[in-house]
Amino acid sequence: MPPQQQTERRGFGVPGWIGEAETTLSPCFVFDISQRGATLAVKDPSTLPETLRLYLSPTAQTFRRCVVRWRKEDSVGVQFEK
């Protein structure tokens, strides 16, 4: 049986945007989210940097700093930095 996560992930299903400081934002889709991280659907995970910013609006001034923890063909798992 797989180990349980310390925080429960819940389905989210909203558009998001990712980028680094001073870069153009790229669209993504936030599948699920928890206090510790999220799963993001992205066009090409191999092009993402190891750290990024997640915005829930393309005009938002606030964001979550993230570290990529895993990559699949069309998605990434990110952990929120504190």
PDB file of N, CA and C in Angstrom:
ATOM      1  N   MET A   1       0.847  -1.177   0.000  1.00  0.00           N
ATOM      2  CA  MET A   1       0.000   0.000   0.000  1.00  0.00           C
ATOM      3  C   MET A   1       0.893   1.240   0.000  1.00  0.00           C
ATOM      4  N   PRO A   2       0.632   2.239  -0.891  1.00  0.00           N
ATOM      5  CA  PRO A   2       1.479   3.428  -0.944  1.00  0.00           C
ATOM      6  C   PRO A   2       1.328   4.265   0.320  1.00  0.00           C
ATOM      7  N   PRO A   3       2.406   4.993   0.690  1.00  0.00           N
ATOM      8  CA  PRO A   3       2.310   5.842   1.879  1.00  0.00           C
ATOM      9  C   PRO A   3       1.328   6.985   1.644  1.00  0.00           C
ATOM     10  N   GLN A   4       0.619   7.372   2.694  1.00  0.00           N
ATOM     11  CA  GLN A   4      -0.323   8.476   2.570  1.00  0.00           C
ATOM     12  C   GLN A   4       0.418   9.797   2.627  1.00  0.00           C
ATOM     13  N   GLN A   5      -0.093  10.760   1.877  1.00  0.00           N
ATOM     14  CA  GLN A   5       0.488  12.091   1.915  1.00  0.00           C
ATOM     15  C   GLN A   5       0.108  12.752   3.230  1.00  0.00           C
ATOM     16  N   GLN A   6       0.953  13.650   3.701  1.00  0.00           N
ATOM     17  CA  GLN A   6       0.690  14.318   4.963  1.00  0.00           C
ATOM     18  C   GLN A   6      -0.442  15.330   4.846  1.00  0.00           C
ATOM     19  N   THR A   7      -0.656  15.884   3.685  1.00  0.00           N
ATOM     20  CA  THR A   7      -1.764  16.808   3.480  1.00  0.00           C
ATOM     21  C   THR A   7      -2.612  16.290   2.340  1.00  0.00           C
ATOM     22  N   GLU A   8      -3.902  16.400   2.470  1.00  0.00           N
ATOM     23  CA  GLU A   8      -4.817  15.877   1.473  1.00  0.00           C
ATOM     24  C   GLU A   8      -4.847  16.765   0.234  1.00  0.00           C
ATOM     25  N   ARG A   9      -4.709  16.123  -0.930  1.00  0.00           N
ATOM     26  CA  ARG A   9      -4.843  16.851  -2.189  1.00  0.00           C
ATOM     27  C   ARG A   9      -6.311  16.851  -2.572  1.00  0.00           C
ATOM     28  N   ARG A  10      -6.745  17.964  -3.133  1.00  0.00           N
ATOM     29  CA  ARG A  10      -8.122  18.042  -3.591  1.00  0.00           C
ATOM     30  C   ARG A  10      -8.123  18.494  -5.039  1.00  0.00           C
ATOM     31  N   GLY A  11      -9.098  17.988  -5.781  1.00  0.00           N
ATOM     32  CA  GLY A  11      -9.231  18.404  -7.167  1.00  0.00           C
ATOM     33  C   GLY A  11      -9.432  19.899  -7.246  1.00  0.00           C
ATOM     34  N   PHE A  12      -8.824  20.506  -8.212  1.00  0.00           N
ATOM     35  CA  PHE A  12      -8.880  21.954  -8.322  1.00  0.00           C
ATOM     36  C   PHE A  12      -9.461  22.329  -9.680  1.00  0.00           C
ATOM     37  N   GLY A  13      -8.816  21.905 -10.754  1.00  0.00           N
ATOM     38  CA  GLY A  13      -9.332  22.102 -12.095  1.00  0.00           C
ATOM     39  C   GLY A  13      -9.504  23.540 -12.534  1.00  0.00           C
ATOM     40  N   VAL A  14      -8.443  24.338 -12.397  1.00  0.00           N
ATOM     41  CA  VAL A  14      -8.504  25.731 -12.820  1.00  0.00           C
ATOM     42  C   VAL A  14      -7.290  26.070 -13.680  1.00  0.00           C
ATOM     43  N   PRO A  15      -7.415  27.077 -14.543  1.00  0.00           N
ATOM     44  CA  PRO A  15      -6.251  27.506 -15.291  1.00  0.00           C
ATOM     45  C   PRO A  15      -5.231  28.171 -14.372  1.00  0.00           C
ATOM     46  N   GLY A  16      -3.975  28.066 -14.745  1.00  0.00           N
ATOM     47  CA  GLY A  16      -2.895  28.712 -14.021  1.00  0.00           C
ATOM     48  C   GLY A  16      -1.873  29.228 -15.005  1.00  0.00           C
ATOM     49  N   TRP A  17      -0.889  29.938 -14.495  1.00  0.00           N
ATOM     50  CA  TRP A  17       0.181  30.483 -15.322  1.00  0.00           C
ATOM     51  C   TRP A  17       1.485  30.297 -14.565  1.00  0.00           C
ATOM     52  N   ILE A  18       2.532  29.943 -15.288  1.00  0.00           N
ATOM     53  CA  ILE A  18       3.822  29.717 -14.660  1.00  0.00           C
ATOM     54  C   ILE A  18       4.886  30.579 -15.319  1.00  0.00           C
ATOM     55  N   GLY A  19       5.893  30.909 -14.550  1.00  0.00           N
ATOM     56  CA  GLY A  19       6.989  31.705 -15.070  1.00  0.00           C
ATOM     57  C   GLY A  19       8.062  31.871 -14.023  1.00  0.00           C
ATOM     58  N   GLU A  20       9.093  32.567 -14.399  1.00  0.00           N
ATOM     59  CA  GLU A  20      10.174  32.925 -13.497  1.00  0.00           C
ATOM     60  C   GLU A  20      10.127  34.446 -13.348  1.00  0.00           C
ATOM     61  N   ALA A  21      10.970  34.967 -12.510  1.00  0.00           N
ATOM     62  CA  ALA A  21      11.024  36.422 -12.356  1.00  0.00           C
ATOM     63  C   ALA A  21      11.342  37.072 -13.694  1.00  0.00           C
ATOM     64  N   GLU A  22      10.600  38.108 -14.031  1.00  0.00           N
ATOM     65  CA  GLU A  22      10.854  38.907 -15.232  1.00  0.00           C
ATOM     66  C   GLU A  22      10.723  38.116 -16.541  1.00  0.00           C
ATOM     67  N   THR A  23       9.865  37.109 -16.582  1.00  0.00           N
ATOM     68  CA  THR A  23       9.655  36.371 -17.826  1.00  0.00           C
ATOM     69  C   THR A  23       8.182  36.401 -18.208  1.00  0.00           C
ATOM     70  N   THR A  24       7.906  36.051 -19.437  1.00  0.00           N
ATOM     71  CA  THR A  24       6.533  35.929 -19.901  1.00  0.00           C
ATOM     72  C   THR A  24       5.905  34.704 -19.258  1.00  0.00           C
ATOM     73  N   LEU A  25       4.645  34.822 -18.856  1.00  0.00           N
ATOM     74  CA  LEU A  25       3.957  33.700 -18.234  1.00  0.00           C
ATOM     75  C   LEU A  25       3.473  32.716 -19.289  1.00  0.00           C
ATOM     76  N   SER A  26       3.525  31.435 -18.947  1.00  0.00           N
ATOM     77  CA  SER A  26       3.024  30.368 -19.814  1.00  0.00           C
ATOM     78  C   SER A  26       1.798  29.744 -19.168  1.00  0.00           C
ATOM     79  N   PRO A  27       0.782  29.408 -19.967  1.00  0.00           N
ATOM     80  CA  PRO A  27      -0.411  28.804 -19.383  1.00  0.00           C
ATOM     81  C   PRO A  27      -0.156  27.370 -18.922  1.00  0.00           C
ATOM     82  N   CYS A  28      -0.900  26.960 -17.910  1.00  0.00           N
ATOM     83  CA  CYS A  28      -0.902  25.588 -17.428  1.00  0.00           C
ATOM     84  C   CYS A  28      -2.300  25.314 -16.901  1.00  0.00           C
ATOM     85  N   PHE A  29      -2.517  24.128 -16.373  1.00  0.00           N
ATOM     86  CA  PHE A  29      -3.797  23.776 -15.778  1.00  0.00           C
ATOM     87  C   PHE A  29      -3.499  23.123 -14.437  1.00  0.00           C
ATOM     88  N   VAL A  30      -4.105  23.616 -13.368  1.00  0.00           N
ATOM     89  CA  VAL A  30      -3.870  23.092 -12.024  1.00  0.00           C
ATOM     90  C   VAL A  30      -4.886  21.976 -11.776  1.00  0.00           C
ATOM     91  N   PHE A  31      -4.410  20.702 -11.816  1.00  0.00           N
ATOM     92  CA  PHE A  31      -5.290  19.547 -11.610  1.00  0.00           C
ATOM     93  C   PHE A  31      -5.718  19.399 -10.164  1.00  0.00           C
ATOM     94  N   ASP A  32      -4.736  19.412  -9.282  1.00  0.00           N
ATOM     95  CA  ASP A  32      -5.036  19.272  -7.862  1.00  0.00           C
ATOM     96  C   ASP A  32      -4.053  20.098  -7.057  1.00  0.00           C
ATOM     97  N   ILE A  33      -4.404  20.309  -5.800  1.00  0.00           N
ATOM     98  CA  ILE A  33      -3.587  21.183  -4.969  1.00  0.00           C
ATOM     99  C   ILE A  33      -3.723  20.747  -3.513  1.00  0.00           C
ATOM    100  N   SER A  34      -2.672  20.978  -2.738  1.00  0.00           N
ATOM    101  CA  SER A  34      -2.687  20.746  -1.305  1.00  0.00           C
ATOM    102  C   SER A  34      -1.919  21.889  -0.653  1.00  0.00           C
ATOM    103  N   GLN A  35      -1.759  21.845   0.638  1.00  0.00           N
ATOM    104  CA  GLN A  35      -0.974  22.868   1.315  1.00  0.00           C
ATOM    105  C   GLN A  35       0.486  22.800   0.907  1.00  0.00           C
ATOM    106  N   ARG A  36       0.945  21.626   0.484  1.00  0.00           N
ATOM    107  CA  ARG A  36       2.360  21.434   0.176  1.00  0.00           C
ATOM    108  C   ARG A  36       2.721  21.510  -1.294  1.00  0.00           C
ATOM    109  N   GLY A  37       1.746  21.333  -2.204  1.00  0.00           N
ATOM    110  CA  GLY A  37       2.102  21.328  -3.615  1.00  0.00           C
ATOM    111  C   GLY A  37       0.904  21.161  -4.532  1.00  0.00           C
ATOM    112  N   ALA A  38       1.203  20.905  -5.814  1.00  0.00           N
ATOM    113  CA  ALA A  38       0.155  20.796  -6.827  1.00  0.00           C
ATOM    114  C   ALA A  38       0.637  19.950  -7.995  1.00  0.00           C
ATOM    115  N   THR A  39      -0.320  19.498  -8.802  1.00  0.00           N
ATOM    116  CA  THR A  39      -0.036  18.836 -10.070  1.00  0.00           C
ATOM    117  C   THR A  39      -0.474  19.780 -11.177  1.00  0.00           C
ATOM    118  N   LEU A  40       0.438  20.068 -12.102  1.00  0.00           N
ATOM    119  CA  LEU A  40       0.178  21.010 -13.184  1.00  0.00           C
ATOM    120  C   LEU A  40       0.278  20.310 -14.533  1.00  0.00           C
ATOM    121  N   ALA A  41      -0.709  20.509 -15.375  1.00  0.00           N
ATOM    122  CA  ALA A  41      -0.626  20.049 -16.763  1.00  0.00           C
ATOM    123  C   ALA A  41       0.063  21.151 -17.550  1.00  0.00           C
ATOM    124  N   VAL A  42       1.101  20.764 -18.293  1.00  0.00           N
ATOM    125  CA  VAL A  42       1.874  21.728 -19.075  1.00  0.00           C
ATOM    126  C   VAL A  42       2.164  21.157 -20.453  1.00  0.00           C
ATOM    127  N   LYS A  43       2.447  22.039 -21.385  1.00  0.00           N
ATOM    128  CA  LYS A  43       2.688  21.628 -22.771  1.00  0.00           C
ATOM    129  C   LYS A  43       3.968  20.795 -22.906  1.00  0.00           C
ATOM    130  N   ASP A  44       5.067  21.263 -22.337  1.00  0.00           N
ATOM    131  CA  ASP A  44       6.343  20.556 -22.461  1.00  0.00           C
ATOM    132  C   ASP A  44       7.112  20.639 -21.141  1.00  0.00           C
ATOM    133  N   PRO A  45       6.912  19.668 -20.256  1.00  0.00           N
ATOM    134  CA  PRO A  45       7.570  19.699 -18.946  1.00  0.00           C
ATOM    135  C   PRO A  45       9.087  19.765 -19.009  1.00  0.00           C
ATOM    136  N   SER A  46       9.677  19.272 -20.068  1.00  0.00           N
ATOM    137  CA  SER A  46      11.140  19.240 -20.148  1.00  0.00           C
ATOM    138  C   SER A  46      11.746  20.639 -20.258  1.00  0.00           C
ATOM    139  N   THR A  47      10.944  21.622 -20.646  1.00  0.00           N
ATOM    140  CA  THR A  47      11.474  22.981 -20.802  1.00  0.00           C
ATOM    141  C   THR A  47      11.356  23.816 -19.527  1.00  0.00           C
ATOM    142  N   LEU A  48      10.680  23.287 -18.517  1.00  0.00           N
ATOM    143  CA  LEU A  48      10.497  24.047 -17.279  1.00  0.00           C
ATOM    144  C   LEU A  48      11.770  24.056 -16.440  1.00  0.00           C
ATOM    145  N   PRO A  49      12.056  25.174 -15.783  1.00  0.00           N
ATOM    146  CA  PRO A  49      13.196  25.216 -14.861  1.00  0.00           C
ATOM    147  C   PRO A  49      12.875  24.429 -13.591  1.00  0.00           C
ATOM    148  N   GLU A  50      13.854  24.210 -12.771  1.00  0.00           N
ATOM    149  CA  GLU A  50      13.650  23.467 -11.524  1.00  0.00           C
ATOM    150  C   GLU A  50      12.816  24.255 -10.517  1.00  0.00           C
ATOM    151  N   THR A  51      12.893  25.570 -10.565  1.00  0.00           N
ATOM    152  CA  THR A  51      12.067  26.412  -9.700  1.00  0.00           C
ATOM    153  C   THR A  51      11.254  27.352 -10.577  1.00  0.00           C
ATOM    154  N   LEU A  52      10.036  27.644 -10.149  1.00  0.00           N
ATOM    155  CA  LEU A  52       9.162  28.498 -10.927  1.00  0.00           C
ATOM    156  C   LEU A  52       8.159  29.186 -10.016  1.00  0.00           C
ATOM    157  N   ARG A  53       7.382  30.072 -10.596  1.00  0.00           N
ATOM    158  CA  ARG A  53       6.308  30.755  -9.883  1.00  0.00           C
ATOM    159  C   ARG A  53       4.981  30.303 -10.475  1.00  0.00           C
ATOM    160  N   LEU A  54       4.007  30.026  -9.620  1.00  0.00           N
ATOM    161  CA  LEU A  54       2.665  29.643 -10.050  1.00  0.00           C
ATOM    162  C   LEU A  54       1.705  30.780  -9.718  1.00  0.00           C
ATOM    163  N   TYR A  55       1.020  31.267 -10.751  1.00  0.00           N
ATOM    164  CA  TYR A  55       0.020  32.326 -10.609  1.00  0.00           C
ATOM    165  C   TYR A  55      -1.342  31.732 -10.943  1.00  0.00           C
ATOM    166  N   LEU A  56      -2.396  32.206 -10.279  1.00  0.00           N
ATOM    167  CA  LEU A  56      -3.748  31.738 -10.586  1.00  0.00           C
ATOM    168  C   LEU A  56      -4.517  32.742 -11.431  1.00  0.00           C
ATOM    169  N   SER A  57      -3.821  33.773 -11.899  1.00  0.00           N
ATOM    170  CA  SER A  57      -4.374  34.761 -12.824  1.00  0.00           C
ATOM    171  C   SER A  57      -3.202  35.345 -13.614  1.00  0.00           C
ATOM    172  N   PRO A  58      -3.390  35.629 -14.898  1.00  0.00           N
ATOM    173  CA  PRO A  58      -2.281  36.182 -15.674  1.00  0.00           C
ATOM    174  C   PRO A  58      -1.910  37.604 -15.258  1.00  0.00           C
ATOM    175  N   THR A  59      -2.769  38.249 -14.479  1.00  0.00           N
ATOM    176  CA  THR A  59      -2.482  39.610 -14.026  1.00  0.00           C
ATOM    177  C   THR A  59      -2.232  39.666 -12.517  1.00  0.00           C
ATOM    178  N   ALA A  60      -2.135  38.518 -11.878  1.00  0.00           N
ATOM    179  CA  ALA A  60      -1.955  38.471 -10.420  1.00  0.00           C
ATOM    180  C   ALA A  60      -0.609  39.058 -10.006  1.00  0.00           C
ATOM    181  N   GLN A  61      -0.606  39.695  -8.872  1.00  0.00           N
ATOM    182  CA  GLN A  61       0.633  40.206  -8.288  1.00  0.00           C
ATOM    183  C   GLN A  61       1.207  39.225  -7.275  1.00  0.00           C
ATOM    184  N   THR A  62       0.408  38.245  -6.868  1.00  0.00           N
ATOM    185  CA  THR A  62       0.868  37.240  -5.905  1.00  0.00           C
ATOM    186  C   THR A  62       1.049  35.907  -6.607  1.00  0.00           C
ATOM    187  N   PHE A  63       1.924  35.089  -6.054  1.00  0.00           N
ATOM    188  CA  PHE A  63       2.244  33.799  -6.660  1.00  0.00           C
ATOM    189  C   PHE A  63       2.753  32.865  -5.572  1.00  0.00           C
ATOM    190  N   ARG A  64       2.865  31.581  -5.921  1.00  0.00           N
ATOM    191  CA  ARG A  64       3.496  30.594  -5.054  1.00  0.00           C
ATOM    192  C   ARG A  64       4.820  30.185  -5.690  1.00  0.00           C
ATOM    193  N   ARG A  65       5.887  30.241  -4.927  1.00  0.00           N
ATOM    194  CA  ARG A  65       7.184  29.738  -5.403  1.00  0.00           C
ATOM    195  C   ARG A  65       7.141  28.220  -5.332  1.00  0.00           C
ATOM    196  N   CYS A  66       7.598  27.565  -6.387  1.00  0.00           N
ATOM    197  CA  CYS A  66       7.504  26.110  -6.484  1.00  0.00           C
ATOM    198  C   CYS A  66       8.837  25.494  -6.898  1.00  0.00           C
ATOM    199  N   VAL A  67       9.025  24.245  -6.479  1.00  0.00           N
ATOM    200  CA  VAL A  67      10.150  23.424  -6.907  1.00  0.00           C
ATOM    201  C   VAL A  67       9.558  22.216  -7.615  1.00  0.00           C
ATOM    202  N   VAL A  68      10.043  21.917  -8.821  1.00  0.00           N
ATOM    203  CA  VAL A  68       9.555  20.752  -9.555  1.00  0.00           C
ATOM    204  C   VAL A  68      10.107  19.500  -8.890  1.00  0.00           C
ATOM    205  N   ARG A  69       9.217  18.575  -8.513  1.00  0.00           N
ATOM    206  CA  ARG A  69       9.611  17.327  -7.852  1.00  0.00           C
ATOM    207  C   ARG A  69       9.546  16.124  -8.775  1.00  0.00           C
ATOM    208  N   TRP A  70       8.685  16.160  -9.785  1.00  0.00           N
ATOM    209  CA  TRP A  70       8.631  15.080 -10.770  1.00  0.00           C
ATOM    210  C   TRP A  70       8.077  15.627 -12.086  1.00  0.00           C
ATOM    211  N   ARG A  71       8.386  14.918 -13.164  1.00  0.00           N
ATOM    212  CA  ARG A  71       7.936  15.294 -14.516  1.00  0.00           C
ATOM    213  C   ARG A  71       7.403  14.054 -15.212  1.00  0.00           C
ATOM    214  N   LYS A  72       6.306  14.214 -15.912  1.00  0.00           N
ATOM    215  CA  LYS A  72       5.764  13.189 -16.788  1.00  0.00           C
ATOM    216  C   LYS A  72       5.641  13.793 -18.175  1.00  0.00           C
ATOM    217  N   GLU A  73       5.068  13.060 -19.098  1.00  0.00           N
ATOM    218  CA  GLU A  73       4.965  13.515 -20.491  1.00  0.00           C
ATOM    219  C   GLU A  73       4.209  14.826 -20.638  1.00  0.00           C
ATOM    220  N   ASP A  74       3.154  15.023 -19.845  1.00  0.00           N
ATOM    221  CA  ASP A  74       2.333  16.222 -19.995  1.00  0.00           C
ATOM    222  C   ASP A  74       2.006  16.917 -18.671  1.00  0.00           C
ATOM    223  N   SER A  75       2.749  16.585 -17.622  1.00  0.00           N
ATOM    224  CA  SER A  75       2.459  17.202 -16.325  1.00  0.00           C
ATOM    225  C   SER A  75       3.703  17.223 -15.440  1.00  0.00           C
ATOM    226  N   VAL A  76       3.618  18.036 -14.387  1.00  0.00           N
ATOM    227  CA  VAL A  76       4.680  18.104 -13.380  1.00  0.00           C
ATOM    228  C   VAL A  76       4.040  18.166 -12.005  1.00  0.00           C
ATOM    229  N   GLY A  77       4.777  17.664 -11.038  1.00  0.00           N
ATOM    230  CA  GLY A  77       4.397  17.814  -9.648  1.00  0.00           C
ATOM    231  C   GLY A  77       5.302  18.843  -9.024  1.00  0.00           C
ATOM    232  N   VAL A  78       4.712  19.821  -8.337  1.00  0.00           N
ATOM    233  CA  VAL A  78       5.501  20.860  -7.720  1.00  0.00           C
ATOM    234  C   VAL A  78       5.256  20.874  -6.210  1.00  0.00           C
ATOM    235  N   GLN A  79       6.293  21.244  -5.499  1.00  0.00           N
ATOM    236  CA  GLN A  79       6.202  21.451  -4.057  1.00  0.00           C
ATOM    237  C   GLN A  79       6.326  22.945  -3.805  1.00  0.00           C
ATOM    238  N   PHE A  80       5.435  23.468  -2.964  1.00  0.00           N
ATOM    239  CA  PHE A  80       5.491  24.893  -2.637  1.00  0.00           C
ATOM    240  C   PHE A  80       6.635  25.145  -1.673  1.00  0.00           C
ATOM    241  N   GLU A  81       7.399  26.206  -1.942  1.00  0.00           N
ATOM    242  CA  GLU A  81       8.450  26.609  -1.027  1.00  0.00           C
ATOM    243  C   GLU A  81       7.825  27.434   0.094  1.00  0.00           C
ATOM    244  N   LYS A  82       8.433  27.396   1.242  1.00  0.00           N
ATOM    245  CA  LYS A  82       7.904  28.165   2.372  1.00  0.00           C
ATOM    246  C   LYS A  82       8.507  29.537   2.432  1.00  0.00           C
TER     247      LYS A  82
END
